[in-house]
Each structure stands twice: as C-alpha cells, then as structure tokens.
C-alpha cells in the first residue's frame, strides 16, 4: 500500500513538472531538434515557446521572444528553404523586437532575400539602412552593399554618395578600396565625368598599391583614355596592368584592339620618308618637254629617239 502511494506521488510530481515547462525548455528542445535534423519538430517547439511568451512584456520575455522568432525564421530559411515563410517571420521579429540583436541579424538576412528572390531593391536598401542605424560591427560591409544596390538600380549619383559615406566614415575598413572602385565606376557612368573617374581610379592605386583592384583600376583608366581617342596612352596603362592583372589575355586583347585602331586611323606611309624617296627614285626624270606639258612621244622625238 505504501509502495503504491509512493508510485502515485512520483506520477503526480511528473505531471506537475510537465505543467511547469518554461519557454526556455521549448527553445532548448527546438535546438535539439535542429541538431537531430528534424526541422518540423523544431518549428513546433519554437511556436510553443512563442505562444507562452505572447502575453508577457517583461525584458526577459522580450529576449526569449526574439530568440524564438529568429529560430523559427532561420529554420524556414536555412533548413527548409521556404523563402516566403522565412520573410514573414523575419518581418514579425523586426516588428515585435526592433532593438534586439536578433532583429539586426534579421534585417541583414531579409535585405538579401528581398534583393535576390523578390528583386525588391528598394526594400533591401531600407532594411540595410535601418540596420546601419543600429551601428553594427559590420557597418562598412553593409554600407558597401547599399552603394552596390544603388549602382544596380542605375542611380549612379546616389551610388557615388553612398560609397563616399563608406570612405569617410569607415576610413580604416578593408572595404575602402572596393568603395573607391565602385565610386569611380558610378562617376564614369555619368556624362562628362570621365576625367574625374580616372582621378578616383588613380587615387585607389596610390592609396592601395597592393590591392587586388589596383590592376583593374589601371585597365579602367586605359578604357577612359581609349574612349577619348588617346590610344597610345591607353596602351601604356594596359601594358603596366599586365604585370599584376589576373587575366592577362583580356588585357592583351584591349592592347591589340587599340593598336588596330591606331593602324586604321593612320594614313598609309605617312612619315615614311624612305618609302616616299624610293617611289620617286623608281620613276624616270621628267624632261623639259614633259615639264611644259608635252606628251611622252614628243619628249622622245625631242631626244632623237
């Protein structure tokens, strides 16, 4: 009888323990399910955790709620590749917990999803801009992404401005040479600013001579010279680029084309004095009769031929 009571007591304790499960317990089970390659079960556990946290607005609850939403969104995206569902949950996370570290990560991921899968470039820029306002550690990279998307949109003036922000605000970043190159490309696309673009490329080479973009900058400077009809100067720049450019065949092609343009626009034998002299030497000297306008036959008669 006593043993039976003891068993019942343990059973009651077990039931009570089941009733006192916490959101943290469900979050841990969700993580365990992901490790076990069971994303569907992980989603169930994240949902249970979120439902338990729905009515509570304490700071601790907000932290756990952000983790639950971020975990569920990551499962949809990283484990199941369900873009629509992932986008929806990332947006919900940003709305409910806008200042959380998870929301910052969600904005960065969401920006990429909007750009790649929905071609929503403006929406992507909005998310990156909002992320930048939180002063993230990867600020230079995010600023570069903003400038690149504006270039993709064809808004070259804004691209120039955004690249300039990176150069000014993140002067010690490894993205500065990338920003200079992108800025020069944007300036080159705008009418009447070729020389300014060339100066930016030259600045990149001066400030970052060992950058992998330095030989590419030389090639672009050569293109600008060629566009202006300065093919000889373009060839000089491209020959210099050959020393370090990763695709020398491409550079050789530019050089070959420039040399053909020079040949096609140069009159035959101009300045070739020897050829001109040989041409004159190969013709018999004109007689006085010919000089006066007489025919060759009259000249022969005058010579007694």
Protein backbone atom coordinates (compact mmCIF):
# COMPACT_ATOMS: atom_id res chain seq x y z
CA UNK A 1 0.00 0.00 0.00
CA UNK A 2 2.80 2.35 0.94
CA UNK A 3 4.66 1.49 -2.27
CA UNK A 4 1.55 2.25 -4.31
CA UNK A 5 1.25 5.65 -2.68
CA UNK A 6 4.88 6.36 -3.44
CA UNK A 7 4.38 5.50 -7.13
CA UNK A 8 1.34 7.76 -7.31
CA UNK A 9 3.28 10.56 -5.67
CA UNK A 10 6.06 10.29 -8.26
CA UNK A 11 3.48 10.22 -11.05
CA UNK A 12 1.87 13.38 -9.66
CA UNK A 13 5.25 15.11 -9.44
CA UNK A 14 5.92 14.15 -13.03
CA UNK A 15 2.60 15.60 -14.15
CA UNK A 16 3.26 18.78 -12.23
CA UNK A 17 6.70 19.03 -13.82
CA UNK A 18 5.06 18.74 -17.25
CA UNK A 19 2.74 21.61 -16.36
CA UNK A 20 5.66 23.84 -15.36
CA UNK A 21 7.54 23.69 -18.63
CA UNK A 22 9.06 27.03 -19.49
CA UNK A 23 9.66 28.82 -22.81
CA UNK A 24 13.35 28.16 -22.28
CA UNK A 25 12.61 24.42 -22.22
CA UNK A 26 10.88 24.64 -25.59
CA UNK A 27 13.73 26.70 -27.05
CA UNK A 28 16.21 24.06 -25.95
CA UNK A 29 14.07 21.29 -27.45
CA UNK A 30 13.91 23.25 -30.68
CA UNK A 31 17.69 23.50 -30.79
CA UNK A 32 17.97 19.79 -30.06
CA UNK A 33 15.55 19.04 -32.90
CA UNK A 34 17.64 21.10 -35.33
CA UNK A 35 20.75 19.20 -34.26
CA UNK A 36 18.81 15.97 -34.87
CA UNK A 37 17.90 17.19 -38.40
CA UNK A 38 14.22 17.46 -37.55
CA UNK A 39 13.18 20.99 -38.62
CA UNK A 40 9.45 20.34 -38.39
CA UNK A 41 9.72 19.41 -34.72
CA UNK A 42 11.92 22.45 -34.14
CA UNK A 43 9.22 24.70 -35.58
CA UNK A 44 6.63 23.16 -33.26
CA UNK A 45 8.81 23.85 -30.23
CA UNK A 46 9.55 27.43 -31.30
CA UNK A 47 5.84 28.03 -31.74
CA UNK A 48 5.10 26.66 -28.27
CA UNK A 49 7.74 28.93 -26.77
CA UNK A 50 6.37 31.94 -28.64
CA UNK A 51 2.78 31.22 -27.58
CA UNK A 52 3.83 31.06 -23.92
CA UNK A 53 5.60 34.43 -24.27
CA UNK A 54 2.88 36.21 -26.21
CA UNK A 55 1.15 37.99 -23.29
CA UNK A 56 4.20 38.93 -21.26
CA UNK A 57 6.11 42.17 -21.87
CA UNK A 58 8.92 41.85 -19.34
CA UNK A 59 12.50 42.43 -20.59
CA UNK A 60 13.34 38.75 -20.11
CA UNK A 61 10.29 37.72 -22.09
CA UNK A 62 11.21 40.02 -24.98
CA UNK A 63 14.64 38.44 -25.17
CA UNK A 64 13.20 34.93 -25.36
CA UNK A 65 10.52 36.03 -27.83
CA UNK A 66 13.16 37.41 -30.17
CA UNK A 67 15.11 34.15 -29.95
CA UNK A 68 12.00 32.09 -30.68
CA UNK A 69 11.09 34.14 -33.75
CA UNK A 70 14.66 34.22 -35.03
CA UNK A 71 14.99 30.48 -34.52
CA UNK A 72 11.78 29.76 -36.43
CA UNK A 73 12.71 32.11 -39.28
CA UNK A 74 16.15 30.51 -39.56
CA UNK A 75 14.58 27.06 -39.76
CA UNK A 76 12.31 28.17 -42.59
CA UNK A 77 15.21 29.72 -44.46
CA UNK A 78 18.32 27.69 -43.63
CA UNK A 79 16.80 24.26 -43.11
CA UNK A 80 13.74 24.22 -45.38
CA UNK A 81 14.47 26.98 -47.91
CA UNK A 82 10.92 28.29 -47.58
CA UNK A 83 11.58 31.89 -48.56
CA UNK A 84 8.04 33.22 -48.19
CA UNK A 85 7.61 31.84 -44.68
CA UNK A 86 11.08 32.98 -43.64
CA UNK A 87 10.44 36.53 -44.88
CA UNK A 88 7.15 36.65 -42.96
CA UNK A 89 8.70 35.57 -39.65
CA UNK A 90 11.77 37.82 -40.04
CA UNK A 91 9.40 40.77 -40.56
CA UNK A 92 7.41 39.76 -37.48
CA UNK A 93 10.61 39.64 -35.45
CA UNK A 94 11.62 43.13 -36.63
CA UNK A 95 8.17 44.48 -35.78
CA UNK A 96 7.94 42.95 -32.30
CA UNK A 97 11.56 43.26 -31.16
CA UNK A 98 13.08 46.07 -33.27
CA UNK A 99 16.03 46.84 -30.98
CA UNK A 100 17.13 43.26 -30.36
CA UNK A 101 20.36 41.75 -31.72
CA UNK A 102 18.17 39.17 -33.46
CA UNK A 103 16.31 41.94 -35.30
CA UNK A 104 19.61 43.31 -36.60
CA UNK A 105 20.52 39.91 -37.99
CA UNK A 106 17.01 39.55 -39.39
CA UNK A 107 17.28 42.85 -41.27
CA UNK A 108 20.54 41.79 -42.92
CA UNK A 109 19.17 38.41 -43.98
CA UNK A 110 15.87 39.95 -45.08
CA UNK A 111 17.68 42.52 -47.22
CA UNK A 112 19.39 39.70 -49.11
CA UNK A 113 16.18 37.71 -49.53
CA UNK A 114 14.29 40.74 -50.85
CA UNK A 115 17.03 41.54 -53.36
CA UNK A 116 17.68 38.01 -54.63
CA UNK A 117 14.23 36.38 -54.57
CA UNK A 118 11.85 39.33 -54.96
CA UNK A 119 14.02 41.85 -56.85
CA UNK A 120 12.83 44.37 -54.29
CA UNK A 121 15.96 46.51 -54.38
CA UNK A 122 14.39 49.48 -52.63
CA UNK A 123 13.11 47.23 -49.86
CA UNK A 124 16.56 45.74 -49.49
CA UNK A 125 18.09 49.21 -49.16
CA UNK A 126 15.50 50.11 -46.49
CA UNK A 127 16.47 47.10 -44.39
CA UNK A 128 20.20 47.75 -44.71
CA UNK A 129 19.75 51.43 -43.88
CA UNK A 130 17.77 50.53 -40.77
CA UNK A 131 20.48 48.05 -39.77
CA UNK A 132 23.16 50.72 -40.19
CA UNK A 133 21.30 52.98 -37.76
CA UNK A 134 21.99 50.38 -35.05
CA UNK A 135 25.77 50.87 -35.54
CA UNK A 136 26.53 47.21 -36.25
CA UNK A 137 30.11 45.92 -36.23
CA UNK A 138 29.84 45.09 -39.94
CA UNK A 139 28.78 48.64 -40.80
CA UNK A 140 31.33 49.13 -43.60
CA UNK A 141 30.17 45.97 -45.37
CA UNK A 142 26.51 46.98 -45.10
CA UNK A 143 27.28 50.48 -46.38
CA UNK A 144 29.07 48.95 -49.36
CA UNK A 145 26.04 46.77 -50.07
CA UNK A 146 23.82 49.86 -50.09
CA UNK A 147 26.11 51.58 -52.60
CA UNK A 148 26.18 48.46 -54.80
CA UNK A 149 22.41 48.18 -54.90
CA UNK A 150 22.10 51.82 -55.94
CA UNK A 151 24.53 51.06 -58.78
CA UNK A 152 22.37 48.07 -59.72
CA UNK A 153 19.36 50.38 -59.77
CA UNK A 154 21.19 52.72 -62.15
CA UNK A 155 21.11 55.54 -59.59
CA UNK A 156 24.77 56.43 -60.09
CA UNK A 157 24.63 59.74 -58.25
CA UNK A 158 23.32 58.06 -55.10
CA UNK A 159 25.83 55.24 -55.52
CA UNK A 160 28.63 57.82 -55.58
CA UNK A 161 27.22 59.42 -52.42
CA UNK A 162 26.85 56.12 -50.53
CA UNK A 163 30.34 54.97 -51.49
CA UNK A 164 31.65 58.32 -50.28
CA UNK A 165 29.97 57.75 -46.91
CA UNK A 166 31.88 54.49 -46.53
CA UNK A 167 35.19 56.13 -47.44
CA UNK A 168 34.59 58.91 -44.91
CA UNK A 169 33.01 57.01 -42.01
CA UNK A 170 34.98 53.76 -42.22
CA UNK A 171 38.37 55.08 -43.31
CA UNK A 172 40.27 52.13 -41.82
CA UNK A 173 37.98 49.47 -43.24
CA UNK A 174 39.12 46.86 -45.74
CA UNK A 175 36.19 47.95 -47.91
CA UNK A 176 37.62 51.39 -48.73
CA UNK A 177 39.38 50.25 -51.93
CA UNK A 178 36.17 48.49 -53.02
CA UNK A 179 34.23 51.70 -52.34
CA UNK A 180 36.70 53.78 -54.36
CA UNK A 181 36.46 51.40 -57.31
CA UNK A 182 32.65 51.39 -57.16
CA UNK A 183 32.56 55.17 -56.84
CA UNK A 184 34.80 55.56 -59.89
CA UNK A 185 32.55 53.21 -61.87
CA UNK A 186 29.49 55.25 -60.92
CA UNK A 187 31.14 58.54 -61.83
CA UNK A 188 32.28 57.09 -65.16
CA UNK A 189 28.66 56.25 -65.99
CA UNK A 190 27.65 59.89 -65.69
CA UNK A 191 28.08 62.19 -68.68
CA UNK A 192 31.08 64.46 -68.78
CA UNK A 193 32.87 62.99 -65.76
CA UNK A 194 35.40 60.64 -67.33
CA UNK A 195 38.42 62.53 -66.06
CA UNK A 196 37.02 62.62 -62.54
CA UNK A 197 36.53 58.87 -62.67
CA UNK A 198 40.11 58.45 -63.85
CA UNK A 199 41.34 60.52 -60.89
CA UNK A 200 39.44 58.27 -58.46
CA UNK A 201 40.97 55.16 -60.04
CA UNK A 202 44.40 56.79 -59.73
CA UNK A 203 43.67 57.59 -56.07
CA UNK A 204 42.84 53.94 -55.46
CA UNK A 205 46.19 52.86 -56.95
CA UNK A 206 48.08 55.44 -54.89
CA UNK A 207 46.42 54.61 -51.59
CA UNK A 208 46.20 50.84 -52.08
CA UNK A 209 49.01 49.78 -54.44
CA UNK A 210 48.80 46.18 -53.23
CA UNK A 211 45.02 45.91 -53.59
CA UNK A 212 43.74 43.26 -55.97
CA UNK A 213 41.69 46.06 -57.53
CA UNK A 214 44.77 48.14 -58.46
CA UNK A 215 45.39 46.42 -61.84
CA UNK A 216 41.67 46.60 -62.59
CA UNK A 217 41.81 50.33 -61.93
CA UNK A 218 44.63 50.61 -64.47
CA UNK A 219 42.52 48.80 -67.05
CA UNK A 220 39.60 51.15 -66.44
CA UNK A 221 41.89 54.17 -66.72
CA UNK A 222 43.06 52.79 -70.05
CA UNK A 223 39.47 52.45 -71.23
CA UNK A 224 38.82 56.09 -70.39
CA UNK A 225 41.89 57.11 -72.42
CA UNK A 226 40.76 54.97 -75.33
CA UNK A 227 37.28 56.49 -75.23
CA UNK A 228 38.93 59.90 -75.56
CA UNK A 229 40.87 58.70 -78.61
CA UNK A 230 44.19 58.55 -76.72
CA UNK A 231 45.04 55.02 -77.77
CA UNK A 232 48.79 55.33 -77.19
CA UNK A 233 48.23 56.44 -73.58
CA UNK A 234 45.70 53.64 -73.12
CA UNK A 235 48.24 51.07 -74.31
CA UNK A 236 50.81 52.37 -71.83
CA UNK A 237 48.37 51.88 -68.96
CA UNK A 238 47.37 48.42 -70.11
CA UNK A 239 50.98 47.31 -70.51
CA UNK A 240 51.54 48.40 -66.90
CA UNK A 241 48.43 46.46 -65.83
CA UNK A 242 49.78 43.27 -67.41
CA UNK A 243 52.31 42.93 -64.59
CA UNK A 244 49.70 42.05 -61.96
CA UNK A 245 46.33 41.61 -63.68
CA UNK A 246 44.74 38.18 -63.05
CA UNK A 247 43.54 37.92 -66.67
CA UNK A 248 46.45 38.99 -68.92
CA UNK A 249 44.70 37.64 -72.03
CA UNK A 250 41.91 40.15 -71.53
CA UNK A 251 44.39 43.00 -71.21
CA UNK A 252 46.29 41.80 -74.30
CA UNK A 253 43.01 41.90 -76.19
CA UNK A 254 42.49 45.54 -75.20
CA UNK A 255 46.03 46.34 -76.36
CA UNK A 256 45.53 44.53 -79.67
CA UNK A 257 42.32 46.39 -80.38
CA UNK A 258 43.91 49.74 -79.59
CA UNK A 259 46.80 49.00 -81.97
CA UNK A 260 44.33 48.13 -84.71
CA UNK A 261 42.52 51.40 -84.13
CA UNK A 262 45.81 53.25 -84.44
CA UNK A 263 46.65 51.42 -87.68
CA UNK A 264 43.20 52.05 -89.14
CA UNK A 265 43.30 55.76 -88.43
CA UNK A 266 46.88 56.37 -89.65
CA UNK A 267 47.29 57.25 -93.40
CA UNK A 268 49.44 54.68 -95.21
CA UNK A 269 53.16 55.52 -95.31
CA UNK A 270 52.66 58.88 -93.54
CA UNK A 271 56.08 59.99 -92.31
CA UNK A 272 57.84 57.12 -94.04
CA UNK A 273 60.43 59.22 -95.89
CA UNK A 274 62.32 56.26 -97.19
CA UNK A 275 59.24 54.87 -98.90
CA UNK A 276 58.45 58.21 -100.42
CA UNK A 277 62.05 58.60 -101.62
CA UNK A 278 62.04 55.10 -103.14
CA UNK A 279 58.84 55.92 -105.00
CA UNK A 280 60.45 58.98 -106.54
CA UNK A 281 63.65 57.12 -107.42
CA UNK A 282 61.71 54.47 -109.31
CA UNK A 283 60.29 56.99 -111.82
CA UNK A 284 62.37 58.35 -114.78
CA UNK A 285 63.26 62.04 -114.54
CA UNK A 286 60.86 64.31 -116.39
CA UNK A 287 62.27 66.18 -119.48
CA UNK A 288 61.78 69.86 -120.24
CA UNK A 289 59.17 68.95 -122.84
CA UNK A 290 57.19 66.97 -120.24
CA UNK A 291 57.60 69.76 -117.80
CA UNK A 292 55.96 72.12 -120.28
CA UNK A 293 53.04 69.78 -120.69
CA UNK A 294 54.22 67.79 -123.73
CA UNK A 295 53.46 64.12 -124.23
CA UNK A 296 55.90 61.27 -123.75
CA UNK A 297 56.07 60.79 -127.56
CA UNK A 298 57.04 64.45 -128.09
CA UNK A 299 59.69 64.14 -125.45
CA UNK A 300 61.12 61.06 -127.21
CA UNK A 301 61.19 62.91 -130.54
CA UNK A 302 62.96 65.81 -128.88
CA UNK A 303 65.64 63.43 -127.61
CA UNK A 304 66.03 61.95 -131.13
CA UNK A 305 64.74 58.51 -130.04
